[in-house]
C-alpha atoms as a PDB file:
ATOM      1  CA  MET A   1      12.598  15.177  23.996  1.00  0.00           C
ATOM      2  CA  ILE A   2      12.844  15.292  27.921  1.00  0.00           C
ATOM      3  CA  LEU A   3      15.500  13.013  29.332  1.00  0.00           C
ATOM      4  CA  ASP A   4      15.224  11.383  32.781  1.00  0.00           C
ATOM      5  CA  PRO A   5      17.956  13.212  35.144  1.00  0.00           C
ATOM      6  CA  GLN A   6      19.084   9.573  36.178  1.00  0.00           C
ATOM      7  CA  LEU A   7      19.505   8.624  32.620  1.00  0.00           C
ATOM      8  CA  ILE A   8      21.761  11.555  31.895  1.00  0.00           C
ATOM      9  CA  SER A   9      23.595  11.124  35.143  1.00  0.00           C
ATOM     10  CA  LEU A  10      24.255   7.443  34.148  1.00  0.00           C
ATOM     11  CA  ARG A  11      25.331   8.516  30.524  1.00  0.00           C
ATOM     12  CA  ILE A  12      27.792  11.077  32.056  1.00  0.00           C
ATOM     13  CA  ARG A  13      29.425   8.409  34.550  1.00  0.00           C
ATOM     14  CA  ARG A  14      29.695   5.903  31.648  1.00  0.00           C
ATOM     15  CA  SER A  15      31.347   8.491  29.580  1.00  0.00           C
ATOM     16  CA  GLU A  16      34.031   9.514  32.251  1.00  0.00           C
ATOM     17  CA  ILE A  17      37.796   8.124  32.297  1.00  0.00           C
ATOM     18  CA  ARG A  18      40.335   8.604  35.080  1.00  0.00           C
ATOM     19  CA  CYS A  19      43.168  11.107  34.604  1.00  0.00           C
ATOM     20  CA  GLY A  20      45.666   8.918  36.290  1.00  0.00           C
ATOM     21  CA  SER A  21      45.902   5.696  38.547  1.00  0.00           C
ATOM     22  CA  ASP A  22      46.122   7.572  41.757  1.00  0.00           C
ATOM     23  CA  SER A  23      43.805  10.224  40.760  1.00  0.00           C
ATOM     24  CA  GLU A  24      40.238  10.887  42.182  1.00  0.00           C
ATOM     25  CA  ASN A  25      39.065  13.067  39.417  1.00  0.00           C
ATOM     26  CA  CYS A  26      37.540  12.016  36.370  1.00  0.00           C
ATOM     27  CA  GLN A  27      37.280  13.678  32.900  1.00  0.00           C
ATOM     28  CA  ARG A  28      34.349  13.280  30.694  1.00  0.00           C
ATOM     29  CA  CYS A  29      34.822  12.048  27.114  1.00  0.00           C
ATOM     30  CA  PRO A  30      33.307  14.045  24.205  1.00  0.00           C
ATOM     31  CA  ASP A  31      29.778  13.017  22.982  1.00  0.00           C
ATOM     32  CA  HIS A  32      31.296  11.429  19.946  1.00  0.00           C
ATOM     33  CA  GLU A  33      33.906   9.490  22.053  1.00  0.00           C
ATOM     34  CA  TRP A  34      33.709   6.558  24.656  1.00  0.00           C
ATOM     35  CA  PRO A  35      36.239   5.322  27.229  1.00  0.00           C
ATOM     36  CA  ASN A  36      38.200   2.117  26.485  1.00  0.00           C
ATOM     37  CA  GLU A  37      38.041  -1.060  28.700  1.00  0.00           C
ATOM     38  CA  GLY A  38      40.681   0.061  31.092  1.00  0.00           C
ATOM     39  CA  LYS A  39      39.139   3.672  31.351  1.00  0.00           C
ATOM     40  CA  THR A  40      42.425   5.294  30.496  1.00  0.00           C
ATOM     41  CA  LYS A  41      41.582   7.082  27.314  1.00  0.00           C
ATOM     42  CA  CYS A  42      38.751   7.994  24.948  1.00  0.00           C
ATOM     43  CA  VAL A  43      38.110   6.184  21.704  1.00  0.00           C
ATOM     44  CA  VAL A  44      35.936   7.211  18.944  1.00  0.00           C
ATOM     45  CA  ARG A  45      32.566   5.632  18.879  1.00  0.00           C
ATOM     46  CA  ASP A  46      31.407   3.433  15.884  1.00  0.00           C
ATOM     47  CA  ASP A  47      28.490   4.867  13.887  1.00  0.00           C
ATOM     48  CA  GLU A  48      25.556   2.536  13.400  1.00  0.00           C
ATOM     49  CA  PHE A  49      23.049   2.594  10.722  1.00  0.00           C
ATOM     50  CA  LEU A  50      21.822   0.404   7.856  1.00  0.00           C
ATOM     51  CA  SER A  51      24.741   0.400   5.660  1.00  0.00           C
ATOM     52  CA  TYR A  52      25.515  -1.095   2.157  1.00  0.00           C
ATOM     53  CA  GLU A  53      29.049  -1.830   3.264  1.00  0.00           C
ATOM     54  CA  THR A  54      28.337  -3.707   6.454  1.00  0.00           C
ATOM     55  CA  ASP A  55      25.012  -5.266   6.472  1.00  0.00           C
ATOM     56  CA  VAL A  56      24.250  -8.205   4.035  1.00  0.00           C
ATOM     57  CA  VAL A  57      20.693  -7.698   4.546  1.00  0.00           C
ATOM     58  CA  THR A  58      20.650  -4.363   2.622  1.00  0.00           C
ATOM     59  CA  LEU A  59      21.923  -6.350  -0.505  1.00  0.00           C
ATOM     60  CA  VAL A  60      18.968  -8.753   0.046  1.00  0.00           C
ATOM     61  CA  PHE A  61      16.478  -6.122   0.246  1.00  0.00           C
ATOM     62  CA  SER A  62      17.957  -4.215  -2.767  1.00  0.00           C
ATOM     63  CA  ILE A  63      17.634  -7.303  -4.985  1.00  0.00           C
ATOM     64  CA  ILE A  64      14.100  -8.227  -3.772  1.00  0.00           C
ATOM     65  CA  SER A  65      13.006  -4.516  -4.416  1.00  0.00           C
ATOM     66  CA  ILE A  66      14.487  -4.412  -7.873  1.00  0.00           C
ATOM     67  CA  LEU A  67      13.195  -7.748  -8.892  1.00  0.00           C
ATOM     68  CA  LEU A  68       9.667  -6.889  -7.634  1.00  0.00           C
ATOM     69  CA  SER A  69       9.865  -3.765  -9.376  1.00  0.00           C
ATOM     70  CA  LEU A  70      10.869  -5.562 -12.611  1.00  0.00           C
ATOM     71  CA  ILE A  71       8.063  -7.825 -12.161  1.00  0.00           C
ATOM     72  CA  THR A  72       5.722  -4.869 -11.838  1.00  0.00           C
ATOM     73  CA  LEU A  73       7.080  -3.546 -14.941  1.00  0.00           C
ATOM     74  CA  CYS A  74       6.470  -7.059 -16.789  1.00  0.00           C
ATOM     75  CA  ILE A  75       2.881  -6.925 -15.607  1.00  0.00           C
ATOM     76  CA  ILE A  76       2.564  -3.499 -16.776  1.00  0.00           C
ATOM     77  CA  GLY A  77       3.786  -4.568 -20.144  1.00  0.00           C
ATOM     78  CA  ILE A  78       1.305  -7.700 -20.264  1.00  0.00           C
ATOM     79  CA  TYR A  79      -1.467  -5.568 -19.315  1.00  0.00           C
ATOM     80  CA  THR A  80      -0.520  -3.012 -22.136  1.00  0.00           C
ATOM     81  CA  LEU A  81      -0.131  -5.716 -24.806  1.00  0.00           C
ATOM     82  CA  PHE A  82      -3.451  -7.477 -23.875  1.00  0.00           C
ATOM     83  CA  ARG A  83      -5.334  -4.198 -22.936  1.00  0.00           C
ATOM     84  CA  ASN A  84      -8.304  -5.055 -25.116  1.00  0.00           C
ATOM     85  CA  ILE A  85      -9.348  -8.438 -23.814  1.00  0.00           C
ATOM     86  CA  PRO A  86     -12.178  -8.679 -21.054  1.00  0.00           C
ATOM     87  CA  ILE A  87      -9.960 -10.060 -18.280  1.00  0.00           C
ATOM     88  CA  VAL A  88      -7.838  -6.894 -18.366  1.00  0.00           C
ATOM     89  CA  ARG A  89     -10.723  -4.456 -19.057  1.00  0.00           C
ATOM     90  CA  ALA A  90     -12.717  -6.038 -16.094  1.00  0.00           C
ATOM     91  CA  ASN A  91     -12.741  -3.894 -12.963  1.00  0.00           C
ATOM     92  CA  ASN A  92     -11.236  -0.864 -14.852  1.00  0.00           C
ATOM     93  CA  ARG A  93      -7.872  -1.380 -16.452  1.00  0.00           C
ATOM     94  CA  ASN A  94      -6.879   2.251 -15.964  1.00  0.00           C
ATOM     95  CA  LEU A  95      -7.141   1.628 -12.275  1.00  0.00           C
ATOM     96  CA  SER A  96      -4.808  -1.396 -12.597  1.00  0.00           C
ATOM     97  CA  PHE A  97      -2.156   0.742 -14.239  1.00  0.00           C
ATOM     98  CA  ILE A  98      -2.505   3.268 -11.438  1.00  0.00           C
ATOM     99  CA  LEU A  99      -2.130   0.416  -8.915  1.00  0.00           C
ATOM    100  CA  LEU A 100       0.625  -0.963 -10.644  1.00  0.00           C
ATOM    101  CA  ILE A 101       2.788   2.319 -11.079  1.00  0.00           C
ATOM    102  CA  SER A 102       2.154   3.242  -7.364  1.00  0.00           C
ATOM    103  CA  LEU A 103       3.241  -0.155  -6.183  1.00  0.00           C
ATOM    104  CA  MET A 104       6.407   0.126  -8.164  1.00  0.00           C
ATOM    105  CA  PHE A 105       7.237   3.376  -6.695  1.00  0.00           C
ATOM    106  CA  SER A 106       6.397   2.016  -3.235  1.00  0.00           C
ATOM    107  CA  LEU A 107       8.960  -0.745  -3.659  1.00  0.00           C
ATOM    108  CA  LEU A 108      11.557   1.474  -4.885  1.00  0.00           C
ATOM    109  CA  CYS A 109      11.164   3.650  -1.727  1.00  0.00           C
ATOM    110  CA  VAL A 110      13.137   0.918  -0.001  1.00  0.00           C
ATOM    111  CA  PHE A 111      16.388   2.527  -1.216  1.00  0.00           C
ATOM    112  CA  LEU A 112      15.551   5.679   0.677  1.00  0.00           C
ATOM    113  CA  PHE A 113      15.675   3.776   3.911  1.00  0.00           C
ATOM    114  CA  ILE A 114      19.144   2.225   3.146  1.00  0.00           C
ATOM    115  CA  GLY A 115      22.270   4.145   3.939  1.00  0.00           C
ATOM    116  CA  ARG A 116      23.337   6.886   6.290  1.00  0.00           C
ATOM    117  CA  PRO A 117      20.105   8.774   7.367  1.00  0.00           C
ATOM    118  CA  VAL A 118      20.101  12.632   6.427  1.00  0.00           C
ATOM    119  CA  ASP A 119      17.427  15.159   6.944  1.00  0.00           C
ATOM    120  CA  ILE A 120      16.157  15.067   3.419  1.00  0.00           C
ATOM    121  CA  THR A 121      15.947  11.230   3.126  1.00  0.00           C
ATOM    122  CA  CYS A 122      14.295  11.069   6.506  1.00  0.00           C
ATOM    123  CA  MET A 123      11.707  13.502   5.240  1.00  0.00           C
ATOM    124  CA  LEU A 124      11.221  11.796   1.790  1.00  0.00           C
ATOM    125  CA  ARG A 125      11.198   8.074   2.815  1.00  0.00           C
ATOM    126  CA  GLN A 126       8.080   8.165   5.275  1.00  0.00           C
ATOM    127  CA  ILE A 127       6.213  10.555   2.964  1.00  0.00           C
ATOM    128  CA  PHE A 128       6.938   8.878  -0.283  1.00  0.00           C
ATOM    129  CA  TYR A 129       5.894   5.267   0.774  1.00  0.00           C
ATOM    130  CA  GLY A 130       2.984   6.682   2.732  1.00  0.00           C
ATOM    131  CA  VAL A 131       1.508   8.544  -0.351  1.00  0.00           C
ATOM    132  CA  PHE A 132       2.275   5.846  -3.004  1.00  0.00           C
ATOM    133  CA  PHE A 133       1.012   3.064  -0.814  1.00  0.00           C
ATOM    134  CA  THR A 134      -2.106   5.068  -0.092  1.00  0.00           C
ATOM    135  CA  VAL A 135      -2.712   5.470  -3.849  1.00  0.00           C
ATOM    136  CA  ALA A 136      -2.241   1.780  -4.359  1.00  0.00           C
ATOM    137  CA  VAL A 137      -4.686   0.775  -1.390  1.00  0.00           C
ATOM    138  CA  SER A 138      -7.053   3.566  -2.789  1.00  0.00           C
ATOM    139  CA  SER A 139      -7.096   1.992  -6.063  1.00  0.00           C
ATOM    140  CA  VAL A 140      -7.866  -1.320  -4.628  1.00  0.00           C
ATOM    141  CA  LEU A 141     -10.693   0.138  -2.807  1.00  0.00           C
ATOM    142  CA  ALA A 142     -12.047   1.768  -5.925  1.00  0.00           C
ATOM    143  CA  LYS A 143     -11.898  -1.781  -7.506  1.00  0.00           C
ATOM    144  CA  THR A 144     -13.795  -3.269  -4.837  1.00  0.00           C
ATOM    145  CA  ILE A 145     -16.475  -0.554  -4.878  1.00  0.00           C
ATOM    146  CA  ILE A 146     -16.875  -1.149  -8.603  1.00  0.00           C
ATOM    147  CA  VAL A 147     -17.495  -4.788  -8.218  1.00  0.00           C
ATOM    148  CA  CYS A 148     -19.983  -4.290  -5.303  1.00  0.00           C
ATOM    149  CA  ILE A 149     -21.947  -1.590  -7.506  1.00  0.00           C
ATOM    150  CA  ALA A 150     -21.603  -3.323 -10.765  1.00  0.00           C
ATOM    151  CA  PHE A 151     -23.213  -6.548  -9.639  1.00  0.00           C
ATOM    152  CA  LYS A 152     -26.107  -4.632  -7.867  1.00  0.00           C
ATOM    153  CA  ALA A 153     -26.857  -2.730 -11.186  1.00  0.00           C
ATOM    154  CA  THR A 154     -27.397  -5.617 -13.380  1.00  0.00           C
ATOM    155  CA  ARG A 155     -31.074  -5.044 -13.378  1.00  0.00           C
ATOM    156  CA  PRO A 156     -32.344  -2.353 -15.841  1.00  0.00           C
ATOM    157  CA  ASP A 157     -34.356  -0.633 -13.011  1.00  0.00           C
ATOM    158  CA  SER A 158     -31.517  -0.758 -10.310  1.00  0.00           C
ATOM    159  CA  PRO A 159     -30.899   2.579  -8.916  1.00  0.00           C
ATOM    160  CA  TRP A 160     -27.300   1.625  -8.633  1.00  0.00           C
ATOM    161  CA  ARG A 161     -26.967   2.200 -12.283  1.00  0.00           C
ATOM    162  CA  LYS A 162     -26.608   5.898 -11.733  1.00  0.00           C
ATOM    163  CA  CYS A 163     -23.310   5.014  -9.555  1.00  0.00           C
ATOM    164  CA  VAL A 164     -21.621   3.070 -12.396  1.00  0.00           C
ATOM    165  CA  GLY A 165     -19.544   5.373 -14.393  1.00  0.00           C
ATOM    166  CA  VAL A 166     -15.799   6.256 -15.247  1.00  0.00           C
ATOM    167  CA  LYS A 167     -15.704   9.070 -12.867  1.00  0.00           C
ATOM    168  CA  LEU A 168     -16.507   7.017  -9.791  1.00  0.00           C
ATOM    169  CA  PRO A 169     -13.257   5.118  -9.380  1.00  0.00           C
ATOM    170  CA  TYR A 170     -11.271   8.158 -10.100  1.00  0.00           C
ATOM    171  CA  THR A 171     -13.082  10.244  -7.431  1.00  0.00           C
ATOM    172  CA  VAL A 172     -12.492   7.335  -4.898  1.00  0.00           C
ATOM    173  CA  VAL A 173      -8.854   7.339  -5.739  1.00  0.00           C
ATOM    174  CA  LEU A 174      -8.371  11.194  -5.749  1.00  0.00           C
ATOM    175  CA  VAL A 175     -10.368  11.790  -2.439  1.00  0.00           C
ATOM    176  CA  CYS A 176      -8.623   8.923  -0.566  1.00  0.00           C
ATOM    177  CA  SER A 177      -5.213   9.913  -1.748  1.00  0.00           C
ATOM    178  CA  SER A 178      -5.808  13.608  -1.077  1.00  0.00           C
ATOM    179  CA  ILE A 179      -6.577  12.856   2.715  1.00  0.00           C
ATOM    180  CA  GLN A 180      -2.905  11.278   2.965  1.00  0.00           C
ATOM    181  CA  ILE A 181      -1.219  14.063   0.864  1.00  0.00           C
ATOM    182  CA  LEU A 182      -2.884  16.741   3.283  1.00  0.00           C
ATOM    183  CA  ASN A 183      -1.453  14.781   6.232  1.00  0.00           C
ATOM    184  CA  ALA A 184       1.840  14.750   4.656  1.00  0.00           C
ATOM    185  CA  VAL A 185       1.906  18.527   4.119  1.00  0.00           C
ATOM    186  CA  ILE A 186       0.840  19.272   7.593  1.00  0.00           C
ATOM    187  CA  TRP A 187       3.424  17.004   8.909  1.00  0.00           C
ATOM    188  CA  LEU A 188       6.173  18.413   6.860  1.00  0.00           C
ATOM    189  CA  SER A 189       5.124  21.895   7.777  1.00  0.00           C
ATOM    190  CA  LEU A 190       4.732  21.589  11.476  1.00  0.00           C
ATOM    191  CA  SER A 191       7.112  18.850  12.470  1.00  0.00           C
ATOM    192  CA  PRO A 192       9.073  17.239   9.805  1.00  0.00           C
ATOM    193  CA  PRO A 193      11.262  14.009  10.310  1.00  0.00           C
ATOM    194  CA  TYR A 194      14.974  14.839  10.867  1.00  0.00           C
ATOM    195  CA  GLN A 195      18.459  12.923  11.401  1.00  0.00           C
ATOM    196  CA  GLU A 196      19.079  12.092  15.023  1.00  0.00           C
ATOM    197  CA  TYR A 197      21.977  11.032  16.932  1.00  0.00           C
ATOM    198  CA  ASN A 198      21.232   8.314  19.689  1.00  0.00           C
ATOM    199  CA  LEU A 199      24.015   8.379  22.131  1.00  0.00           C
ATOM    200  CA  ASP A 200      22.221   6.169  24.774  1.00  0.00           C
ATOM    201  CA  TYR A 201      24.111   2.921  23.925  1.00  0.00           C
ATOM    202  CA  PRO A 202      27.768   2.242  24.953  1.00  0.00           C
ATOM    203  CA  GLY A 203      30.555   2.424  22.303  1.00  0.00           C
ATOM    204  CA  LYS A 204      28.423   3.432  19.307  1.00  0.00           C
ATOM    205  CA  ILE A 205      26.325   6.242  18.054  1.00  0.00           C
ATOM    206  CA  ILE A 206      22.953   5.155  16.223  1.00  0.00           C
ATOM    207  CA  ILE A 207      22.253   7.367  13.523  1.00  0.00           C
ATOM    208  CA  GLN A 208      18.447   7.379  12.896  1.00  0.00           C
ATOM    209  CA  CYS A 209      15.607   9.329  11.799  1.00  0.00           C
ATOM    210  CA  ASN A 210      13.351  11.088  14.266  1.00  0.00           C
ATOM    211  CA  GLU A 211       9.746  10.997  12.888  1.00  0.00           C
ATOM    212  CA  GLY A 212       9.097  14.553  14.177  1.00  0.00           C
ATOM    213  CA  SER A 213       5.438  14.159  14.835  1.00  0.00           C
ATOM    214  CA  VAL A 214       4.657  10.806  16.185  1.00  0.00           C
ATOM    215  CA  LEU A 215       0.979  11.503  15.671  1.00  0.00           C
ATOM    216  CA  ALA A 216       1.379  12.220  11.937  1.00  0.00           C
ATOM    217  CA  PHE A 217       3.446   9.010  11.429  1.00  0.00           C
ATOM    218  CA  TYR A 218       0.849   6.826  13.027  1.00  0.00           C
ATOM    219  CA  LEU A 219      -2.157   8.730  11.435  1.00  0.00           C
ATOM    220  CA  MET A 220      -0.426   7.801   8.133  1.00  0.00           C
ATOM    221  CA  LEU A 221      -0.156   4.116   8.899  1.00  0.00           C
ATOM    222  CA  GLY A 222      -3.705   4.071  10.561  1.00  0.00           C
ATOM    223  CA  TYR A 223      -5.169   5.580   7.428  1.00  0.00           C
ATOM    224  CA  MET A 224      -3.692   3.076   5.252  1.00  0.00           C
ATOM    225  CA  GLY A 225      -4.747   0.370   7.353  1.00  0.00           C
ATOM    226  CA  PHE A 226      -8.271   1.645   7.428  1.00  0.00           C
ATOM    227  CA  LEU A 227      -8.606   1.827   3.595  1.00  0.00           C
ATOM    228  CA  ALA A 228      -7.101  -1.726   3.397  1.00  0.00           C
ATOM    229  CA  ALA A 229      -9.562  -2.933   6.110  1.00  0.00           C
ATOM    230  CA  VAL A 230     -12.538  -1.442   4.232  1.00  0.00           C
ATOM    231  CA  SER A 231     -11.328  -2.934   0.908  1.00  0.00           C
ATOM    232  CA  PHE A 232     -10.935  -6.315   2.678  1.00  0.00           C
ATOM    233  CA  VAL A 233     -14.468  -6.156   4.259  1.00  0.00           C
ATOM    234  CA  LEU A 234     -16.234  -5.272   0.871  1.00  0.00           C
ATOM    235  CA  ALA A 235     -14.195  -7.822  -1.127  1.00  0.00           C
ATOM    236  CA  PHE A 236     -15.127 -10.483   1.373  1.00  0.00           C
ATOM    237  CA  LEU A 237     -18.744  -9.781   1.316  1.00  0.00           C
ATOM    238  CA  VAL A 238     -18.852 -10.186  -2.424  1.00  0.00           C
ATOM    239  CA  ARG A 239     -16.436 -12.923  -2.959  1.00  0.00           C
ATOM    240  CA  THR A 240     -19.053 -15.414  -3.959  1.00  0.00           C
ATOM    241  CA  LEU A 241     -20.293 -13.485  -6.886  1.00  0.00           C
ATOM    242  CA  PRO A 242     -19.969 -15.013 -10.406  1.00  0.00           C
ATOM    243  CA  ASP A 243     -16.064 -14.904 -10.780  1.00  0.00           C
ATOM    244  CA  ILE A 244     -15.229 -14.989 -14.528  1.00  0.00           C
ATOM    245  CA  TYR A 245     -14.062 -11.528 -14.238  1.00  0.00           C
ATOM    246  CA  ASN A 246     -14.761 -10.732 -10.683  1.00  0.00           C
ATOM    247  CA  GLU A 247     -11.360 -10.121  -8.590  1.00  0.00           C
ATOM    248  CA  ALA A 248     -12.956  -9.984  -5.185  1.00  0.00           C
ATOM    249  CA  LYS A 249     -11.305 -12.999  -4.248  1.00  0.00           C
ATOM    250  CA  TYR A 250      -7.959 -11.608  -5.454  1.00  0.00           C
ATOM    251  CA  ILE A 251      -8.609  -8.474  -3.536  1.00  0.00           C
ATOM    252  CA  THR A 252      -9.630 -10.426  -0.361  1.00  0.00           C
ATOM    253  CA  PHE A 253      -6.342 -12.247  -0.390  1.00  0.00           C
ATOM    254  CA  SER A 254      -4.089  -9.314  -1.128  1.00  0.00           C
ATOM    255  CA  MET A 255      -5.512  -7.267   1.581  1.00  0.00           C
ATOM    256  CA  LEU A 256      -5.572 -10.094   3.986  1.00  0.00           C
ATOM    257  CA  VAL A 257      -1.864 -10.252   3.364  1.00  0.00           C
ATOM    258  CA  PHE A 258      -1.424  -6.396   3.460  1.00  0.00           C
ATOM    259  CA  CYS A 259      -3.162  -6.298   6.829  1.00  0.00           C
ATOM    260  CA  SER A 260      -1.552  -9.163   8.424  1.00  0.00           C
ATOM    261  CA  VAL A 261       2.061  -7.910   7.383  1.00  0.00           C
ATOM    262  CA  TRP A 262       1.569  -4.581   9.066  1.00  0.00           C
ATOM    263  CA  ILE A 263      -0.243  -5.994  11.995  1.00  0.00           C
ATOM    264  CA  CYS A 264       2.748  -8.084  12.739  1.00  0.00           C
ATOM    265  CA  ALA A 265       5.242  -5.446  11.835  1.00  0.00           C
ATOM    266  CA  ILE A 266       4.026  -2.623  13.987  1.00  0.00           C
ATOM    267  CA  PRO A 267       4.875  -4.385  17.415  1.00  0.00           C
ATOM    268  CA  ALA A 268       8.224  -5.475  16.131  1.00  0.00           C
ATOM    269  CA  TYR A 269       8.811  -2.006  14.926  1.00  0.00           C
ATOM    270  CA  LEU A 270       8.020  -0.354  18.246  1.00  0.00           C
ATOM    271  CA  SER A 271      10.191  -2.912  20.178  1.00  0.00           C
ATOM    272  CA  SER A 272      13.423  -2.298  17.771  1.00  0.00           C
ATOM    273  CA  THR A 273      15.835   0.632  17.669  1.00  0.00           C
ATOM    274  CA  GLY A 274      18.217   2.008  14.983  1.00  0.00           C
ATOM    275  CA  LYS A 275      18.989  -0.148  11.941  1.00  0.00           C
ATOM    276  CA  HIS A 276      16.681  -2.871  13.357  1.00  0.00           C
ATOM    277  CA  MET A 277      13.720  -0.556  13.209  1.00  0.00           C
ATOM    278  CA  VAL A 278      14.560   0.270   9.664  1.00  0.00           C
ATOM    279  CA  THR A 279      14.879  -3.468   8.724  1.00  0.00           C
ATOM    280  CA  VAL A 280      11.282  -4.190  10.136  1.00  0.00           C
ATOM    281  CA  GLU A 281       9.817  -1.157   8.126  1.00  0.00           C
ATOM    282  CA  ILE A 282      11.493  -2.331   4.784  1.00  0.00           C
ATOM    283  CA  PHE A 283      10.419  -5.879   5.295  1.00  0.00           C
ATOM    284  CA  ALA A 284       6.860  -4.615   5.651  1.00  0.00           C
ATOM    285  CA  ILE A 285       6.982  -2.618   2.637  1.00  0.00           C
ATOM    286  CA  LEU A 286       8.350  -5.446   0.569  1.00  0.00           C
ATOM    287  CA  ALA A 287       6.189  -8.050   1.921  1.00  0.00           C
ATOM    288  CA  SER A 288       2.829  -6.240   1.684  1.00  0.00           C
ATOM    289  CA  GLY A 289       3.691  -4.831  -1.917  1.00  0.00           C
ATOM    290  CA  GLY A 290       4.761  -8.213  -2.956  1.00  0.00           C
ATOM    291  CA  GLY A 291       1.685  -9.639  -1.518  1.00  0.00           C
ATOM    292  CA  ILE A 292      -0.570  -7.356  -3.469  1.00  0.00           C
ATOM    293  CA  LEU A 293       1.224  -8.249  -6.606  1.00  0.00           C
ATOM    294  CA  GLY A 294       1.267 -12.007  -6.088  1.00  0.00           C
ATOM    295  CA  CYS A 295      -2.463 -12.154  -4.989  1.00  0.00           C
ATOM    296  CA  MET A 296      -3.999  -9.615  -7.560  1.00  0.00           C
ATOM    297  CA  PHE A 297      -2.024  -9.840 -10.777  1.00  0.00           C
ATOM    298  CA  LEU A 298       0.078 -12.991 -11.032  1.00  0.00           C
ATOM    299  CA  PRO A 299      -3.248 -15.261 -11.363  1.00  0.00           C
ATOM    300  CA  LYS A 300      -4.507 -12.934 -14.071  1.00  0.00           C
ATOM    301  CA  CYS A 301      -1.251 -13.027 -15.930  1.00  0.00           C
ATOM    302  CA  TYR A 302      -1.314 -16.743 -15.787  1.00  0.00           C
ATOM    303  CA  ASN A 303      -4.627 -16.939 -17.334  1.00  0.00           C
ATOM    304  CA  ILE A 304      -3.687 -14.321 -20.001  1.00  0.00           C
ATOM    305  CA  LEU A 305      -0.251 -16.082 -21.073  1.00  0.00           C
ATOM    306  CA  MET A 306      -0.780 -19.695 -20.082  1.00  0.00           C
ATOM    307  CA  GLU A 307      -4.403 -20.310 -21.019  1.00  0.00           C
ATOM    308  CA  PRO A 308      -5.040 -18.593 -24.230  1.00  0.00           C
ATOM    309  CA  GLU A 309      -7.825 -21.167 -25.346  1.00  0.00           C
ATOM    310  CA  LYS A 310      -9.670 -20.174 -22.187  1.00  0.00           C
ATOM    311  CA  LYS A 311      -9.183 -16.542 -22.807  1.00  0.00           C
ATOM    312  CA  SER A 312     -10.336 -16.742 -26.451  1.00  0.00           C
ATOM    313  CA  LYS A 313     -13.499 -18.638 -25.396  1.00  0.00           C
ATOM    314  CA  ALA A 314     -14.226 -16.096 -22.778  1.00  0.00           C
ATOM    315  CA  GLN A 315     -13.767 -13.245 -25.431  1.00  0.00           C
ATOM    316  CA  GLY A 316     -16.331 -14.895 -27.765  1.00  0.00           C
ATOM    317  CA  LYS A 317     -19.116 -15.348 -25.314  1.00  0.00           C
ATOM    318  CA  GLN A 318     -18.648 -12.553 -22.616  1.00  0.00           C
ATOM    319  CA  LYS A 319     -20.395  -9.267 -23.020  1.00  0.00           C
ATOM    320  CA  ILE A 320     -18.770  -5.992 -21.911  1.00  0.00           C
ATOM    321  CA  LEU A 321     -19.772  -5.582 -18.252  1.00  0.00           C
ATOM    322  CA  PRO A 322     -20.782  -2.226 -16.905  1.00  0.00           C
ATOM    323  CA  TYR A 323     -17.649  -1.590 -14.927  1.00  0.00           C
ATOM    324  CA  GLU A 324     -14.976  -2.341 -17.577  1.00  0.00           C
ATOM    325  CA  ASN A 325     -12.863   0.222 -18.973  1.00  0.00           C
END
């Protein structure tokens, strides 16, 4: 990083103290210290990062992360217990499990953002949540593609029937996730994130993570946004199809929430520094993950648990659809 010479000069002047009351000479404080108000001696700078001890917001984020992870586990349990009913089998139940597990790990990645940053956490936190969220959004995209194809393949002579099968959704998830994993490997190989000490602010040292390759970081976010946008558009186009087991409406709302959260978070992220930047990123992770859970799975869980008569009636008259698994 190239620093402006005027900024360096200003930092040096701010870090100086007088040797005595009648002296014209000044002595510069070490980088980890700062002059007191009277400019008579150097005092130790305060370290600033998102800490468990001093920031109440970390407790709030931790509780929300654990709560959402527990809700995800409960949904996995409900889907496992009722795995053979049509509402769970629709749109490929195995994809639902992949989506839920990847969401749970994405939500737990929040704990990598809290605490004093070190090189290993700086590398893991961006890579982990980027890859896990990509797997989750890829699963949503695969579900959306299945909905689109399945309702086009209802006629016996439809050419779309050749595309309906077990391999298609897993191929979509594998290919889409592999692109993000490749980006992560290149990122870690060429310019990985690392711990950085920001000395530009008076009286404190901001301990933060330098992303290393800014291009790789924004490619990661942009790729997730691209997958979410494609899922949203496809789901929006098929939202009016028969909806007894069509979750296009749920996908539309969940991707709308996901895209809205990150579109709002990126400007706030760019205008923040230090722990405030980390706070914005954690909020975006929790809000987008919670949005997918709330929009896609809670309505289904309500139907499964609270309306058993509707579920039994549907089981009796609904045939197995071509995209069920």
